[in-house]
């Protein structure tokens, strides 16, 4: 025999689990671009110039991606390969998958044209970046095709994850 558990005890338990892991996120850079011909390619990246020189030290960051896409894209996810290259040609690489469908439904908010969808997701949850200037390159990373159609605009936001400082007990 199963007992029904009320909403409030479950919600309180969820908060106890989630709150200690919370971090304050501070935006440090953002930009957006229209995608030429609505096509992302594996051999021709979408490029952004990223300036993180105002940061003081190596920081723990995360990257959010805001997409405007056409559901006629015909895929449930968007496989990407993200590369940060600094002026000294040091490279940091991250694979990323942006999920476009959940439970057979398109994710995001419908746009005024009633065709396109807007979606924001964390593309890279944790990155360590130095205070430098980078070229951010985003490639299509599909094993079956050299191009991904249907992405209209891509906005990128980089946040510094500031962890809450824990006080130590002087004993």
N, C-alpha and C. Protein backbone atom coordinates (compact mmCIF):
# COMPACT_ATOMS: atom_id res chain seq x y z
N UNK A 1 0.85 -1.17 0.00
CA UNK A 1 0.00 0.00 0.00
C UNK A 1 0.90 1.24 0.00
N UNK A 2 0.58 2.20 -0.86
CA UNK A 2 1.36 3.42 -0.99
C UNK A 2 0.68 4.56 -0.26
N UNK A 3 1.48 5.43 0.33
CA UNK A 3 0.94 6.61 1.00
C UNK A 3 1.10 7.80 0.08
N UNK A 4 0.14 8.66 0.09
CA UNK A 4 0.24 9.89 -0.68
C UNK A 4 1.07 10.88 0.13
N UNK A 5 2.00 11.52 -0.55
CA UNK A 5 2.82 12.54 0.10
C UNK A 5 2.36 13.88 -0.43
N UNK A 6 2.13 14.79 0.45
CA UNK A 6 1.65 16.11 0.06
C UNK A 6 2.69 16.92 -0.69
N UNK A 7 2.23 17.95 -1.38
CA UNK A 7 3.09 18.81 -2.17
C UNK A 7 4.10 19.55 -1.31
N UNK A 8 3.67 20.11 -0.19
CA UNK A 8 4.55 20.95 0.62
C UNK A 8 5.75 20.22 1.19
N UNK A 9 5.61 18.99 1.72
CA UNK A 9 6.82 18.30 2.19
C UNK A 9 7.81 18.02 1.06
N UNK A 10 7.31 17.70 -0.13
CA UNK A 10 8.20 17.44 -1.26
C UNK A 10 8.89 18.74 -1.68
N UNK A 11 8.14 19.84 -1.74
CA UNK A 11 8.72 21.13 -2.12
C UNK A 11 9.78 21.56 -1.11
N UNK A 12 9.51 21.38 0.17
CA UNK A 12 10.49 21.76 1.20
C UNK A 12 11.75 20.91 1.08
N UNK A 13 11.59 19.62 0.84
CA UNK A 13 12.73 18.74 0.67
C UNK A 13 13.54 19.14 -0.56
N UNK A 14 12.87 19.49 -1.65
CA UNK A 14 13.56 19.93 -2.86
C UNK A 14 14.39 21.17 -2.60
N UNK A 15 13.84 22.12 -1.85
CA UNK A 15 14.58 23.34 -1.54
C UNK A 15 15.81 23.04 -0.70
N UNK A 16 15.70 22.09 0.23
CA UNK A 16 16.84 21.74 1.06
C UNK A 16 17.97 21.14 0.22
N UNK A 17 17.60 20.44 -0.84
CA UNK A 17 18.60 19.83 -1.71
C UNK A 17 19.21 20.86 -2.65
N UNK A 18 18.38 21.74 -3.21
CA UNK A 18 18.83 22.67 -4.24
C UNK A 18 19.54 23.89 -3.69
N UNK A 19 19.05 24.50 -2.62
CA UNK A 19 19.59 25.77 -2.14
C UNK A 19 21.07 25.76 -1.80
N UNK A 20 21.60 24.73 -1.14
CA UNK A 20 23.02 24.78 -0.83
C UNK A 20 23.92 24.82 -2.06
N UNK A 21 23.43 24.30 -3.18
CA UNK A 21 24.25 24.27 -4.39
C UNK A 21 24.10 25.54 -5.22
N UNK A 22 23.26 26.47 -4.79
CA UNK A 22 23.01 27.68 -5.56
C UNK A 22 24.25 28.56 -5.62
N UNK A 23 24.43 29.17 -6.76
CA UNK A 23 25.53 30.09 -6.96
C UNK A 23 24.96 31.39 -7.51
N UNK A 24 25.61 32.47 -7.19
CA UNK A 24 25.23 33.75 -7.75
C UNK A 24 25.93 33.85 -9.11
N UNK A 25 25.18 34.19 -10.16
CA UNK A 25 25.76 34.32 -11.49
C UNK A 25 25.82 35.79 -11.87
N UNK A 26 27.01 36.23 -12.27
CA UNK A 26 27.23 37.62 -12.64
C UNK A 26 27.55 37.66 -14.14
N UNK A 27 26.76 38.38 -14.94
CA UNK A 27 27.05 38.43 -16.38
C UNK A 27 28.36 39.17 -16.64
N UNK A 28 29.21 38.60 -17.52
CA UNK A 28 30.49 39.23 -17.84
C UNK A 28 30.64 39.55 -19.33
N UNK A 29 29.81 38.95 -20.19
CA UNK A 29 29.90 39.22 -21.62
C UNK A 29 28.66 38.69 -22.32
N UNK A 30 28.23 39.38 -23.39
CA UNK A 30 27.12 38.87 -24.20
C UNK A 30 27.18 39.46 -25.60
N UNK A 31 26.61 38.74 -26.56
CA UNK A 31 26.51 39.19 -27.95
C UNK A 31 25.52 38.28 -28.66
N UNK A 32 25.03 38.75 -29.80
CA UNK A 32 24.17 37.89 -30.61
C UNK A 32 24.44 38.15 -32.08
N UNK A 33 24.12 37.13 -32.88
CA UNK A 33 24.34 37.21 -34.33
C UNK A 33 23.20 36.54 -35.07
N UNK A 34 22.88 37.11 -36.22
CA UNK A 34 22.00 36.45 -37.17
C UNK A 34 22.82 35.37 -37.87
N UNK A 35 22.21 34.25 -38.17
CA UNK A 35 22.90 33.15 -38.84
C UNK A 35 22.70 33.31 -40.35
N UNK A 36 23.81 33.42 -41.08
CA UNK A 36 23.75 33.60 -42.52
C UNK A 36 23.10 32.39 -43.18
N UNK A 37 22.09 32.63 -43.99
CA UNK A 37 21.35 31.58 -44.71
C UNK A 37 20.72 30.54 -43.78
N UNK A 38 20.62 30.87 -42.48
CA UNK A 38 20.02 29.98 -41.47
C UNK A 38 20.73 28.64 -41.38
N UNK A 39 22.05 28.62 -41.63
CA UNK A 39 22.80 27.37 -41.68
C UNK A 39 24.03 27.45 -40.77
N UNK A 40 24.16 26.48 -39.87
CA UNK A 40 25.40 26.28 -39.10
C UNK A 40 26.19 25.19 -39.80
N UNK A 41 27.50 25.38 -39.93
CA UNK A 41 28.32 24.43 -40.66
C UNK A 41 29.42 23.85 -39.78
N UNK A 42 29.89 22.65 -40.14
CA UNK A 42 30.97 22.03 -39.37
C UNK A 42 32.33 22.60 -39.74
N UNK A 43 32.47 23.23 -40.92
CA UNK A 43 33.77 23.72 -41.36
C UNK A 43 33.85 25.24 -41.45
N UNK A 44 32.76 25.92 -41.11
CA UNK A 44 32.74 27.38 -41.14
C UNK A 44 32.04 27.86 -39.87
N UNK A 45 32.82 28.23 -38.84
CA UNK A 45 32.19 28.54 -37.55
C UNK A 45 31.49 29.90 -37.53
N UNK A 46 30.57 30.01 -36.62
CA UNK A 46 30.00 31.29 -36.25
C UNK A 46 30.97 31.87 -35.24
N UNK A 47 31.47 33.10 -35.47
CA UNK A 47 32.52 33.65 -34.60
C UNK A 47 32.07 34.88 -33.84
N UNK A 48 32.52 34.95 -32.59
CA UNK A 48 32.29 36.10 -31.72
C UNK A 48 33.64 36.54 -31.15
N UNK A 49 33.80 37.81 -30.89
CA UNK A 49 34.98 38.33 -30.20
C UNK A 49 34.60 38.53 -28.73
N UNK A 50 35.30 37.85 -27.84
CA UNK A 50 34.98 37.87 -26.41
C UNK A 50 36.12 38.55 -25.66
N UNK A 51 35.80 39.59 -24.90
CA UNK A 51 36.81 40.30 -24.12
C UNK A 51 36.51 40.10 -22.62
N UNK A 52 37.36 39.32 -21.99
CA UNK A 52 37.23 39.06 -20.55
C UNK A 52 38.38 39.70 -19.77
N UNK A 53 39.05 40.68 -20.36
CA UNK A 53 40.23 41.28 -19.72
C UNK A 53 39.89 42.06 -18.46
N UNK A 54 38.65 42.42 -18.26
CA UNK A 54 38.30 43.17 -17.04
C UNK A 54 38.21 42.27 -15.81
N UNK A 55 38.22 40.96 -16.02
CA UNK A 55 38.22 40.04 -14.88
C UNK A 55 39.60 40.02 -14.25
N UNK A 56 39.65 39.72 -12.97
CA UNK A 56 40.92 39.80 -12.23
C UNK A 56 41.76 38.53 -12.30
N UNK A 57 41.11 37.40 -12.38
CA UNK A 57 41.84 36.13 -12.29
C UNK A 57 41.06 35.08 -13.07
N UNK A 58 41.59 33.87 -13.14
CA UNK A 58 40.87 32.77 -13.75
C UNK A 58 39.54 32.62 -13.03
N UNK A 59 38.48 32.52 -13.81
CA UNK A 59 37.15 32.46 -13.19
C UNK A 59 36.39 31.23 -13.66
N UNK A 60 35.49 30.80 -12.80
CA UNK A 60 34.56 29.73 -13.11
C UNK A 60 33.37 30.39 -13.79
N UNK A 61 33.12 30.03 -15.04
CA UNK A 61 32.05 30.65 -15.81
C UNK A 61 31.11 29.59 -16.36
N UNK A 62 30.01 30.07 -16.91
CA UNK A 62 29.10 29.20 -17.66
C UNK A 62 28.63 29.98 -18.87
N UNK A 63 28.23 29.27 -19.91
CA UNK A 63 27.77 29.91 -21.13
C UNK A 63 26.33 29.53 -21.42
N UNK A 64 25.49 30.56 -21.54
CA UNK A 64 24.10 30.35 -21.94
C UNK A 64 23.96 30.69 -23.41
N UNK A 65 23.06 29.99 -24.06
CA UNK A 65 22.80 30.24 -25.47
C UNK A 65 21.31 30.53 -25.63
N UNK A 66 21.02 31.62 -26.33
CA UNK A 66 19.64 31.94 -26.67
C UNK A 66 19.48 31.78 -28.17
N UNK A 67 18.57 30.90 -28.55
CA UNK A 67 18.36 30.60 -29.97
C UNK A 67 16.99 31.07 -30.41
N UNK A 68 16.93 31.56 -31.62
CA UNK A 68 15.66 31.70 -32.33
C UNK A 68 15.77 30.66 -33.45
N UNK A 69 14.85 29.70 -33.48
CA UNK A 69 14.95 28.63 -34.46
C UNK A 69 13.58 28.33 -35.06
N UNK A 70 13.62 27.71 -36.22
CA UNK A 70 12.42 27.29 -36.92
C UNK A 70 12.18 25.82 -36.58
N UNK A 71 11.01 25.48 -36.01
CA UNK A 71 10.75 24.07 -35.70
C UNK A 71 10.82 23.17 -36.93
N UNK A 72 10.75 23.74 -38.11
CA UNK A 72 10.94 22.96 -39.32
C UNK A 72 12.36 22.43 -39.45
N UNK A 73 13.19 22.73 -38.45
CA UNK A 73 14.57 22.25 -38.40
C UNK A 73 14.59 20.72 -38.47
N UNK A 74 13.52 20.09 -37.99
CA UNK A 74 13.38 18.64 -38.11
C UNK A 74 14.30 17.83 -37.22
N UNK A 75 14.79 18.41 -36.14
CA UNK A 75 15.67 17.70 -35.22
C UNK A 75 15.23 17.97 -33.79
N UNK A 76 15.59 17.06 -32.90
CA UNK A 76 15.22 17.23 -31.50
C UNK A 76 16.34 17.87 -30.69
N UNK A 77 17.53 17.97 -31.27
CA UNK A 77 18.63 18.61 -30.57
C UNK A 77 19.56 19.32 -31.56
N UNK A 78 20.42 20.13 -31.01
CA UNK A 78 21.37 20.90 -31.82
C UNK A 78 22.77 20.59 -31.30
N UNK A 79 23.49 19.66 -31.95
CA UNK A 79 24.84 19.32 -31.49
C UNK A 79 25.84 20.38 -31.97
N UNK A 80 26.60 20.92 -31.02
CA UNK A 80 27.54 21.99 -31.32
C UNK A 80 28.91 21.66 -30.78
N UNK A 81 29.92 22.29 -31.37
CA UNK A 81 31.28 22.21 -30.87
C UNK A 81 31.73 23.65 -30.64
N UNK A 82 32.10 23.98 -29.40
CA UNK A 82 32.43 25.35 -29.01
C UNK A 82 33.93 25.43 -28.72
N UNK A 83 34.58 26.43 -29.33
CA UNK A 83 36.02 26.61 -29.18
C UNK A 83 36.31 28.04 -28.74
N UNK A 84 37.09 28.18 -27.68
CA UNK A 84 37.62 29.47 -27.25
C UNK A 84 39.10 29.48 -27.61
N UNK A 85 39.52 30.48 -28.41
CA UNK A 85 40.93 30.60 -28.79
C UNK A 85 41.42 31.98 -28.39
N UNK A 86 42.51 32.03 -27.60
CA UNK A 86 43.03 33.34 -27.17
C UNK A 86 44.06 33.86 -28.17
N UNK A 87 44.61 35.05 -27.90
CA UNK A 87 45.57 35.70 -28.81
C UNK A 87 46.85 34.89 -29.00
N UNK A 88 47.18 34.04 -28.04
CA UNK A 88 48.38 33.20 -28.14
C UNK A 88 48.07 31.85 -28.79
N UNK A 89 46.87 31.71 -29.31
CA UNK A 89 46.39 30.49 -29.98
C UNK A 89 46.24 29.30 -29.04
N UNK A 90 46.06 29.58 -27.74
CA UNK A 90 45.68 28.52 -26.81
C UNK A 90 44.20 28.23 -27.04
N UNK A 91 43.85 26.96 -27.07
CA UNK A 91 42.49 26.57 -27.41
C UNK A 91 41.86 25.78 -26.27
N UNK A 92 40.61 26.12 -25.97
CA UNK A 92 39.80 25.36 -25.02
C UNK A 92 38.55 24.95 -25.77
N UNK A 93 38.23 23.65 -25.75
CA UNK A 93 37.13 23.11 -26.55
C UNK A 93 36.06 22.48 -25.66
N UNK A 94 34.80 22.63 -26.09
CA UNK A 94 33.67 22.06 -25.36
C UNK A 94 32.64 21.54 -26.35
N UNK A 95 32.24 20.28 -26.24
CA UNK A 95 31.07 19.85 -27.00
C UNK A 95 29.82 20.29 -26.25
N UNK A 96 28.74 20.54 -26.97
CA UNK A 96 27.50 20.96 -26.32
C UNK A 96 26.31 20.46 -27.14
N UNK A 97 25.26 20.11 -26.45
CA UNK A 97 24.02 19.73 -27.13
C UNK A 97 22.89 20.57 -26.56
N UNK A 98 22.24 21.32 -27.44
CA UNK A 98 21.07 22.11 -27.05
C UNK A 98 19.83 21.30 -27.41
N UNK A 99 19.02 20.99 -26.42
CA UNK A 99 17.81 20.19 -26.65
C UNK A 99 16.69 21.10 -27.14
N UNK A 100 16.10 20.73 -28.27
CA UNK A 100 15.03 21.52 -28.87
C UNK A 100 13.65 20.95 -28.60
N UNK A 101 13.59 19.65 -28.28
CA UNK A 101 12.32 18.98 -28.03
C UNK A 101 12.35 18.28 -26.68
N UNK A 102 11.20 18.28 -26.03
CA UNK A 102 11.04 17.53 -24.79
C UNK A 102 9.66 16.90 -24.81
N UNK A 103 9.60 15.60 -24.63
CA UNK A 103 8.33 14.86 -24.70
C UNK A 103 7.60 15.15 -26.00
N UNK A 104 8.32 15.12 -27.11
CA UNK A 104 7.79 15.37 -28.46
C UNK A 104 7.21 16.75 -28.66
N UNK A 105 7.51 17.70 -27.78
CA UNK A 105 7.02 19.08 -27.93
C UNK A 105 8.23 19.99 -28.11
N UNK A 106 8.09 20.99 -28.98
CA UNK A 106 9.16 21.95 -29.19
C UNK A 106 9.34 22.78 -27.93
N UNK A 107 10.58 23.01 -27.55
CA UNK A 107 10.88 23.80 -26.35
C UNK A 107 11.03 25.27 -26.73
N UNK A 108 10.72 26.14 -25.78
CA UNK A 108 10.88 27.57 -26.01
C UNK A 108 9.54 28.28 -26.11
N UNK A 109 9.62 29.56 -26.43
CA UNK A 109 8.44 30.41 -26.54
C UNK A 109 8.19 30.77 -27.99
N UNK A 110 6.93 30.68 -28.45
CA UNK A 110 6.62 31.07 -29.83
C UNK A 110 6.92 32.56 -30.04
N UNK A 111 7.40 32.87 -31.23
CA UNK A 111 7.71 34.24 -31.61
C UNK A 111 6.48 34.89 -32.25
N UNK A 112 6.48 36.22 -32.39
CA UNK A 112 5.31 36.91 -32.95
C UNK A 112 4.89 36.41 -34.34
N UNK A 113 5.83 35.87 -35.12
CA UNK A 113 5.44 35.36 -36.45
C UNK A 113 4.71 34.02 -36.37
N UNK A 114 4.56 33.48 -35.16
CA UNK A 114 3.85 32.23 -34.88
C UNK A 114 4.46 31.01 -35.56
N UNK A 115 5.70 31.14 -36.01
CA UNK A 115 6.41 30.01 -36.62
C UNK A 115 7.66 29.69 -35.80
N UNK A 116 8.49 30.68 -35.57
CA UNK A 116 9.77 30.48 -34.91
C UNK A 116 9.61 30.36 -33.39
N UNK A 117 10.62 29.76 -32.78
CA UNK A 117 10.64 29.58 -31.33
C UNK A 117 11.90 30.23 -30.76
N UNK A 118 11.78 30.78 -29.54
CA UNK A 118 12.93 31.32 -28.81
C UNK A 118 13.21 30.39 -27.63
N UNK A 119 14.46 30.06 -27.44
CA UNK A 119 14.85 29.10 -26.41
C UNK A 119 16.16 29.54 -25.78
N UNK A 120 16.23 29.51 -24.45
CA UNK A 120 17.48 29.80 -23.74
C UNK A 120 17.85 28.56 -22.93
N UNK A 121 19.10 28.11 -23.10
CA UNK A 121 19.60 26.95 -22.36
C UNK A 121 21.05 27.19 -21.97
N UNK A 122 21.47 26.54 -20.91
CA UNK A 122 22.89 26.55 -20.54
C UNK A 122 23.59 25.60 -21.51
N UNK A 123 24.49 26.14 -22.31
CA UNK A 123 25.21 25.33 -23.30
C UNK A 123 26.42 24.66 -22.69
N UNK A 124 27.12 25.39 -21.81
CA UNK A 124 28.29 24.85 -21.12
C UNK A 124 28.16 25.24 -19.65
N UNK A 125 27.88 24.29 -18.76
CA UNK A 125 27.61 24.63 -17.37
C UNK A 125 28.81 25.13 -16.58
N UNK A 126 30.02 24.70 -16.96
CA UNK A 126 31.19 25.14 -16.20
C UNK A 126 32.40 25.23 -17.11
N UNK A 127 33.03 26.40 -17.09
CA UNK A 127 34.25 26.64 -17.86
C UNK A 127 35.21 27.44 -16.98
N UNK A 128 36.48 27.17 -17.10
CA UNK A 128 37.51 27.98 -16.44
C UNK A 128 38.17 28.82 -17.53
N UNK A 129 38.01 30.14 -17.43
CA UNK A 129 38.58 31.04 -18.43
C UNK A 129 39.49 32.07 -17.77
N UNK A 130 40.58 32.38 -18.43
CA UNK A 130 41.52 33.39 -17.97
C UNK A 130 41.04 34.77 -18.42
N UNK A 131 41.46 35.83 -17.75
CA UNK A 131 41.08 37.19 -18.17
C UNK A 131 41.85 37.60 -19.44
N UNK A 132 41.32 37.20 -20.59
CA UNK A 132 41.97 37.45 -21.88
C UNK A 132 40.92 37.79 -22.92
N UNK A 133 41.39 38.09 -24.11
CA UNK A 133 40.50 38.24 -25.27
C UNK A 133 40.50 36.90 -26.01
N UNK A 134 39.31 36.49 -26.42
CA UNK A 134 39.15 35.22 -27.11
C UNK A 134 38.38 35.42 -28.41
N UNK A 135 38.57 34.47 -29.31
CA UNK A 135 37.65 34.31 -30.43
C UNK A 135 36.85 33.07 -30.08
N UNK A 136 35.54 33.24 -29.98
CA UNK A 136 34.63 32.13 -29.69
C UNK A 136 34.12 31.63 -31.03
N UNK A 137 34.34 30.34 -31.30
CA UNK A 137 33.91 29.73 -32.56
C UNK A 137 32.91 28.63 -32.25
N UNK A 138 31.79 28.67 -32.94
CA UNK A 138 30.75 27.66 -32.74
C UNK A 138 30.52 26.94 -34.06
N UNK A 139 30.71 25.62 -34.02
CA UNK A 139 30.58 24.77 -35.20
C UNK A 139 29.38 23.84 -35.04
N UNK A 140 28.75 23.46 -36.16
CA UNK A 140 27.81 22.35 -36.16
C UNK A 140 28.61 21.10 -35.87
N UNK A 141 28.07 20.18 -35.09
CA UNK A 141 28.81 18.98 -34.69
C UNK A 141 27.95 17.75 -34.88
N UNK A 142 27.40 17.61 -36.07
CA UNK A 142 26.50 16.50 -36.38
C UNK A 142 27.27 15.40 -37.10
N UNK A 143 27.14 14.19 -36.63
CA UNK A 143 27.84 13.05 -37.25
C UNK A 143 27.25 12.70 -38.62
N UNK A 144 25.98 13.05 -38.85
CA UNK A 144 25.30 12.64 -40.07
C UNK A 144 25.24 13.70 -41.16
N UNK A 145 25.56 14.94 -40.83
CA UNK A 145 25.41 16.01 -41.81
C UNK A 145 26.49 17.07 -41.59
N UNK A 146 26.86 17.76 -42.66
CA UNK A 146 27.86 18.81 -42.55
C UNK A 146 27.24 20.16 -42.22
N UNK A 147 25.90 20.22 -42.25
CA UNK A 147 25.21 21.48 -42.00
C UNK A 147 23.97 21.24 -41.15
N UNK A 148 23.60 22.25 -40.37
CA UNK A 148 22.36 22.20 -39.61
C UNK A 148 21.53 23.42 -40.04
N UNK A 149 20.36 23.16 -40.56
CA UNK A 149 19.48 24.22 -41.06
C UNK A 149 18.47 24.66 -40.00
N UNK A 150 18.02 25.90 -40.10
CA UNK A 150 16.89 26.36 -39.31
C UNK A 150 17.19 27.22 -38.10
N UNK A 151 18.47 27.50 -37.82
CA UNK A 151 18.80 28.39 -36.70
C UNK A 151 18.85 29.81 -37.25
N UNK A 152 18.04 30.70 -36.69
CA UNK A 152 17.90 32.05 -37.22
C UNK A 152 18.85 33.02 -36.54
N UNK A 153 18.87 32.98 -35.23
CA UNK A 153 19.73 33.89 -34.47
C UNK A 153 20.28 33.15 -33.25
N UNK A 154 21.53 33.49 -32.88
CA UNK A 154 22.16 32.86 -31.72
C UNK A 154 22.75 33.95 -30.83
N UNK A 155 22.26 34.01 -29.61
CA UNK A 155 22.81 34.91 -28.61
C UNK A 155 23.62 34.12 -27.61
N UNK A 156 24.75 34.68 -27.20
CA UNK A 156 25.64 34.02 -26.24
C UNK A 156 25.79 34.94 -25.04
N UNK A 157 25.68 34.36 -23.84
CA UNK A 157 25.94 35.10 -22.60
C UNK A 157 26.89 34.27 -21.75
N UNK A 158 27.92 34.93 -21.24
CA UNK A 158 28.85 34.27 -20.34
C UNK A 158 28.68 34.88 -18.96
N UNK A 159 28.51 34.02 -17.97
CA UNK A 159 28.31 34.42 -16.59
C UNK A 159 29.46 33.92 -15.74
N UNK A 160 29.88 34.74 -14.77
CA UNK A 160 30.82 34.29 -13.76
C UNK A 160 30.00 33.66 -12.65
N UNK A 161 30.34 32.44 -12.30
CA UNK A 161 29.67 31.76 -11.19
C UNK A 161 30.41 32.10 -9.91
N UNK A 162 29.77 32.90 -9.08
CA UNK A 162 30.40 33.25 -7.80
C UNK A 162 29.82 32.33 -6.75
N UNK A 163 30.68 31.50 -6.20
CA UNK A 163 30.24 30.59 -5.15
C UNK A 163 30.13 31.35 -3.85
N UNK A 164 29.09 31.00 -3.10
CA UNK A 164 28.93 31.63 -1.80
C UNK A 164 30.06 31.19 -0.89
N UNK A 165 30.61 32.13 -0.17
CA UNK A 165 31.71 31.81 0.73
C UNK A 165 31.16 31.17 2.00
N UNK A 166 31.80 30.09 2.39
CA UNK A 166 31.37 29.38 3.59
C UNK A 166 32.25 29.85 4.75
N UNK A 167 31.60 30.16 5.85
CA UNK A 167 32.36 30.58 7.03
C UNK A 167 32.87 29.35 7.77
N UNK A 168 34.10 29.43 8.18
CA UNK A 168 34.68 28.32 8.91
C UNK A 168 34.51 28.56 10.40
N UNK A 169 34.29 27.47 11.14
CA UNK A 169 34.14 27.57 12.58
C UNK A 169 35.51 27.64 13.23
N UNK A 170 35.81 28.73 13.94
CA UNK A 170 37.09 28.77 14.64
C UNK A 170 37.01 27.89 15.89
N UNK A 171 37.62 26.72 15.86
CA UNK A 171 37.57 25.85 17.03
C UNK A 171 38.94 25.59 17.56
